[in-house]
Amino acid sequence: MSKVAIVTGAGSGIGRAVSLALAGAGWRVALAGRRAEALEATLASGPTGAMLAVRTDVSDADQVEALFARTVARFGRVDLLFNNAGSGAPPTEIDEHDIGHWRRVVDVNLTGAFLCTRAAFGQMKRQDPKGGRIINNGSISAHAPRPRSIAYTATKHAITGLTKSTALDGRAHDIACGQIDIGNAATEMTARMSKGVPQPDGSLRVEPVMDVSAVAEAVVYMAGLPLDANVPFMTVMATKMPFIGRG
């Protein structure tokens, strides 16, 4: 029997690429996201019968519970959660940062990841055979911020704590948890990089990007490991992006 994955933010970008790669590797995949049309587009691109689209706002606890209930009703269990849904805020000085924007980023990026982790953890403890894997999308911002990105950066640093706590508490239940930190994958979100990206010195520079398929392949590798092996942290980035080194 093929394994079962839930992917959040599955309607576009990294989430869509990972969902299709998992399905191509024989997984059954529940697609979660806020935009029904985008989810249906991902569904239509995958193998018939291998996917389920569930419109979900991950910041809503009831909707997250419904996502897991529908997935288990359809596929019987959950072997993998890819916490990928994310949101950003307009770039601003810290003292001008809108509290509404802050709360929305925290609600989606951090609370949403926690709610999905909580639901996955409970399901993985109860199912037979028990156990599973959770992979969190951390981002290069889990290590180093971009200018004027305090909400996004703070949540991505927090994801690292979520990953470590989940990995530790999951040991007793055969639940592995790892994190993939991604830098400059070519998606709709990074299309703006073609016009330049703000740098710490105030300049605007075009940055290299990589094909999103590299990220999808990395997640499929992490997901395919036996539960007695884990990749706690992996960084996948455009080779020439300005992350390692100065300038």
Protein backbone atom coordinates (compact mmCIF):
# COMPACT_ATOMS: atom_id res chain seq x y z
CA MET A 1 0.00 0.00 0.00
CA SER A 2 1.40 3.42 -0.97
CA LYS A 3 2.12 5.93 1.78
CA VAL A 4 0.00 9.02 2.48
CA ALA A 5 1.18 12.64 2.61
CA ILE A 6 -0.45 15.95 3.47
CA VAL A 7 1.08 19.01 1.82
CA THR A 8 0.01 22.50 2.89
CA GLY A 9 0.28 25.42 0.51
CA ALA A 10 -0.15 22.86 -2.27
CA GLY A 11 -1.84 25.17 -4.76
CA SER A 12 1.32 26.71 -6.22
CA GLY A 13 5.09 27.03 -6.08
CA ILE A 14 7.02 24.69 -3.81
CA GLY A 15 3.85 23.05 -2.49
CA ARG A 16 2.62 22.13 -5.95
CA ALA A 17 6.04 20.89 -7.07
CA VAL A 18 6.46 18.73 -3.96
CA SER A 19 2.90 17.35 -4.20
CA LEU A 20 3.38 16.26 -7.81
CA ALA A 21 6.81 14.80 -7.07
CA LEU A 22 5.44 12.77 -4.16
CA ALA A 23 2.55 11.52 -6.29
CA GLY A 24 5.03 10.63 -9.02
CA ALA A 25 6.99 8.61 -6.46
CA GLY A 26 3.89 6.61 -5.58
CA TRP A 27 2.52 8.56 -2.62
CA ARG A 28 -1.14 9.41 -2.14
CA VAL A 29 -1.33 13.12 -1.41
CA ALA A 30 -3.86 15.39 0.31
CA LEU A 31 -3.52 18.91 -1.05
CA ALA A 32 -4.27 21.72 1.41
CA GLY A 33 -4.52 25.42 0.64
CA ARG A 34 -6.78 28.44 0.81
CA ARG A 35 -7.43 28.79 -2.92
CA ALA A 36 -9.76 26.11 -4.27
CA GLU A 37 -8.99 26.84 -7.93
CA ALA A 38 -5.24 26.54 -7.35
CA LEU A 39 -5.69 23.22 -5.55
CA GLU A 40 -7.81 21.92 -8.41
CA ALA A 41 -5.06 22.89 -10.86
CA THR A 42 -2.54 20.86 -8.85
CA LEU A 43 -5.01 17.98 -8.64
CA ALA A 44 -5.52 18.02 -12.41
CA SER A 45 -1.76 17.80 -12.97
CA GLY A 46 -1.31 14.65 -10.87
CA PRO A 47 -2.16 10.98 -11.39
CA THR A 48 -5.86 10.13 -11.27
CA GLY A 49 -7.06 8.93 -7.87
CA ALA A 50 -3.80 9.63 -6.06
CA MET A 51 -4.72 13.07 -4.77
CA LEU A 52 -7.36 14.75 -2.65
CA ALA A 53 -7.91 18.53 -2.57
CA VAL A 54 -9.09 20.04 0.74
CA ARG A 55 -9.56 23.80 0.96
CA THR A 56 -7.88 24.73 4.25
CA ASP A 57 -6.76 27.82 6.11
CA VAL A 58 -4.01 26.37 8.30
CA SER A 59 -4.46 29.14 10.87
CA ASP A 60 -7.96 27.81 11.65
CA ALA A 61 -7.84 24.86 14.08
CA ASP A 62 -11.22 23.48 12.99
CA GLN A 63 -10.24 23.51 9.32
CA VAL A 64 -6.97 21.73 10.11
CA GLU A 65 -8.82 19.02 12.03
CA ALA A 66 -11.20 18.64 9.08
CA LEU A 67 -8.23 18.31 6.71
CA PHE A 68 -6.80 15.41 8.68
CA ALA A 69 -10.20 13.78 9.14
CA ARG A 70 -10.89 13.86 5.40
CA THR A 71 -7.43 12.56 4.59
CA VAL A 72 -7.77 9.60 6.96
CA ALA A 73 -11.31 8.88 5.74
CA ARG A 74 -10.05 8.77 2.14
CA PHE A 75 -6.61 7.19 2.50
CA GLY A 76 -6.66 5.50 5.92
CA ARG A 77 -3.63 7.10 7.60
CA VAL A 78 -1.03 9.89 7.44
CA ASP A 79 2.65 9.02 6.92
CA LEU A 80 3.98 12.47 6.05
CA LEU A 81 3.13 16.11 6.74
CA PHE A 82 4.95 18.77 4.73
CA ASN A 83 4.36 22.06 6.56
CA ASN A 84 4.81 24.39 3.62
CA ALA A 85 2.05 27.03 3.80
CA GLY A 86 3.51 30.47 4.37
CA SER A 87 2.82 34.17 4.18
CA GLY A 88 4.87 37.35 4.12
CA ALA A 89 4.29 41.01 4.91
CA PRO A 90 5.08 44.20 2.98
CA PRO A 91 8.69 45.30 3.64
CA THR A 92 8.70 48.09 6.23
CA GLU A 93 10.82 49.62 8.96
CA ILE A 94 10.20 47.88 12.29
CA ASP A 95 8.51 50.90 13.88
CA GLU A 96 6.13 51.14 10.89
CA HIS A 97 5.22 47.44 10.79
CA ASP A 98 1.46 46.97 10.82
CA ILE A 99 0.25 44.78 13.71
CA GLY A 100 -2.36 43.19 11.47
CA HIS A 101 0.33 42.09 9.03
CA TRP A 102 2.43 40.77 11.93
CA ARG A 103 -0.43 38.70 13.31
CA ARG A 104 -1.35 37.25 9.92
CA VAL A 105 2.23 36.12 9.25
CA VAL A 106 2.50 34.57 12.73
CA ASP A 107 -0.93 32.93 12.35
CA VAL A 108 -0.03 31.26 9.05
CA ASN A 109 3.69 30.58 9.32
CA LEU A 110 3.94 29.57 12.97
CA THR A 111 0.52 28.84 14.44
CA GLY A 112 -0.55 27.11 11.22
CA ALA A 113 2.52 24.89 11.27
CA PHE A 114 1.87 24.08 14.94
CA LEU A 115 -1.81 23.23 14.34
CA CYS A 116 -0.91 20.88 11.50
CA THR A 117 1.92 19.36 13.54
CA ARG A 118 -0.44 18.82 16.47
CA ALA A 119 -2.99 17.06 14.27
CA ALA A 120 -0.33 14.96 12.53
CA PHE A 121 1.30 14.00 15.83
CA GLY A 122 -1.98 12.73 17.24
CA GLN A 123 -2.85 10.77 14.12
CA MET A 124 0.62 9.24 13.83
CA LYS A 125 0.53 8.13 17.50
CA ARG A 126 -2.85 6.42 17.08
CA GLN A 127 -2.52 4.70 13.72
CA ASP A 128 -1.36 1.14 13.18
CA PRO A 129 1.46 0.81 12.38
CA LYS A 130 2.20 3.98 14.31
CA GLY A 131 4.64 6.70 13.36
CA GLY A 132 5.32 9.04 10.49
CA ARG A 133 7.39 12.01 9.40
CA ILE A 134 6.93 15.79 9.55
CA ILE A 135 8.99 18.07 7.32
CA ASN A 136 8.90 21.82 7.95
CA ASN A 137 9.68 24.42 5.31
CA GLY A 138 12.04 26.71 7.17
CA SER A 139 13.63 29.00 4.52
CA ILE A 140 17.06 30.60 4.38
CA SER A 141 15.41 33.22 6.61
CA ALA A 142 15.61 30.66 9.43
CA HIS A 143 19.33 31.51 9.43
CA ALA A 144 19.69 35.07 8.15
CA PRO A 145 17.14 37.84 7.57
CA ARG A 146 16.52 39.96 4.54
CA PRO A 147 16.13 43.70 5.15
CA ARG A 148 12.73 44.82 6.48
CA SER A 149 11.36 41.31 7.00
CA ILE A 150 10.94 41.07 10.77
CA ALA A 151 7.68 39.09 10.83
CA TYR A 152 8.69 36.53 8.23
CA THR A 153 12.18 36.12 9.68
CA ALA A 154 10.95 35.77 13.27
CA THR A 155 8.48 33.05 12.29
CA LYS A 156 11.06 31.13 10.29
CA HIS A 157 13.48 31.18 13.20
CA ALA A 158 10.61 29.90 15.35
CA ILE A 159 10.02 27.04 12.93
CA THR A 160 13.48 25.77 13.85
CA GLY A 161 12.34 25.50 17.48
CA LEU A 162 9.16 23.74 16.36
CA THR A 163 11.26 21.27 14.37
CA LYS A 164 13.59 20.49 17.27
CA SER A 165 10.78 20.08 19.81
CA THR A 166 8.79 17.86 17.47
CA ALA A 167 11.84 15.73 16.69
CA LEU A 168 12.54 15.28 20.39
CA ASP A 169 8.98 14.55 21.51
CA GLY A 170 8.36 12.34 18.50
CA ARG A 171 11.06 9.82 19.41
CA ALA A 172 8.76 7.85 21.72
CA HIS A 173 6.17 7.46 18.97
CA ASP A 174 8.33 6.75 15.89
CA ILE A 175 7.64 10.26 14.59
CA ALA A 176 10.61 11.83 12.80
CA CYS A 177 10.81 15.56 12.12
CA GLY A 178 13.14 17.49 9.87
CA GLN A 179 13.40 20.90 8.26
CA ILE A 180 14.30 22.02 4.76
CA ASP A 181 15.64 25.55 4.40
CA ILE A 182 15.16 26.80 0.85
CA GLY A 183 16.88 29.66 -0.88
CA ASN A 184 15.72 31.27 -4.14
CA ALA A 185 13.67 28.52 -5.75
CA ALA A 186 12.09 29.79 -8.96
CA THR A 187 8.35 30.12 -8.24
CA GLU A 188 5.65 32.75 -8.60
CA MET A 189 6.82 34.18 -5.27
CA THR A 190 10.39 34.72 -6.46
CA ALA A 191 9.49 36.07 -9.91
CA ARG A 192 10.08 39.58 -8.56
CA MET A 193 13.78 38.73 -8.18
CA SER A 194 14.19 39.30 -11.91
CA LYS A 195 13.90 43.03 -11.10
CA GLY A 196 16.31 42.92 -8.19
CA VAL A 197 16.22 42.13 -4.47
CA PRO A 198 16.99 44.63 -1.66
CA GLN A 199 20.40 44.04 -0.07
CA PRO A 200 21.63 45.00 3.42
CA ASP A 201 23.75 47.82 1.96
CA GLY A 202 20.64 49.43 0.49
CA SER A 203 21.31 48.37 -3.08
CA LEU A 204 18.97 46.43 -5.36
CA ARG A 205 20.51 43.40 -7.07
CA VAL A 206 19.27 40.53 -9.19
CA GLU A 207 19.91 37.22 -7.41
CA PRO A 208 20.40 33.75 -8.92
CA VAL A 209 17.54 31.25 -8.60
CA MET A 210 17.28 27.47 -8.95
CA ASP A 211 14.61 25.26 -10.47
CA VAL A 212 11.91 24.32 -7.95
CA SER A 213 12.30 20.68 -8.99
CA ALA A 214 15.51 20.56 -6.92
CA VAL A 215 13.45 21.31 -3.82
CA ALA A 216 10.84 18.71 -4.71
CA GLU A 217 13.50 16.05 -5.19
CA ALA A 218 15.04 16.91 -1.81
CA VAL A 219 11.70 16.60 -0.01
CA VAL A 220 10.97 13.27 -1.69
CA TYR A 221 14.37 12.04 -0.51
CA MET A 222 13.73 13.13 3.08
CA ALA A 223 10.23 11.65 2.99
CA GLY A 224 11.44 8.32 1.66
CA LEU A 225 13.87 7.55 4.48
CA PRO A 226 12.97 4.76 6.92
CA LEU A 227 11.75 6.11 10.26
CA ASP A 228 14.94 5.04 12.00
CA ALA A 229 16.81 7.61 9.89
CA ASN A 230 16.24 11.36 9.72
CA VAL A 231 17.58 14.52 8.11
CA PRO A 232 17.08 17.07 10.91
CA PHE A 233 18.12 20.03 8.73
CA MET A 234 18.80 20.41 5.02
CA THR A 235 19.60 23.58 3.10
CA VAL A 236 18.83 23.66 -0.63
CA MET A 237 19.72 26.94 -2.31
CA ALA A 238 20.71 28.52 -5.57
CA THR A 239 24.46 27.91 -5.66
CA LYS A 240 25.44 31.52 -6.35
CA MET A 241 22.92 33.36 -4.18
CA PRO A 242 24.45 35.76 -1.60
CA PHE A 243 24.02 33.66 1.54
CA ILE A 244 27.42 32.15 2.34
CA GLY A 245 30.21 34.70 2.66
CA ARG A 246 30.26 38.47 2.74
CA GLY A 247 29.14 40.90 0.08
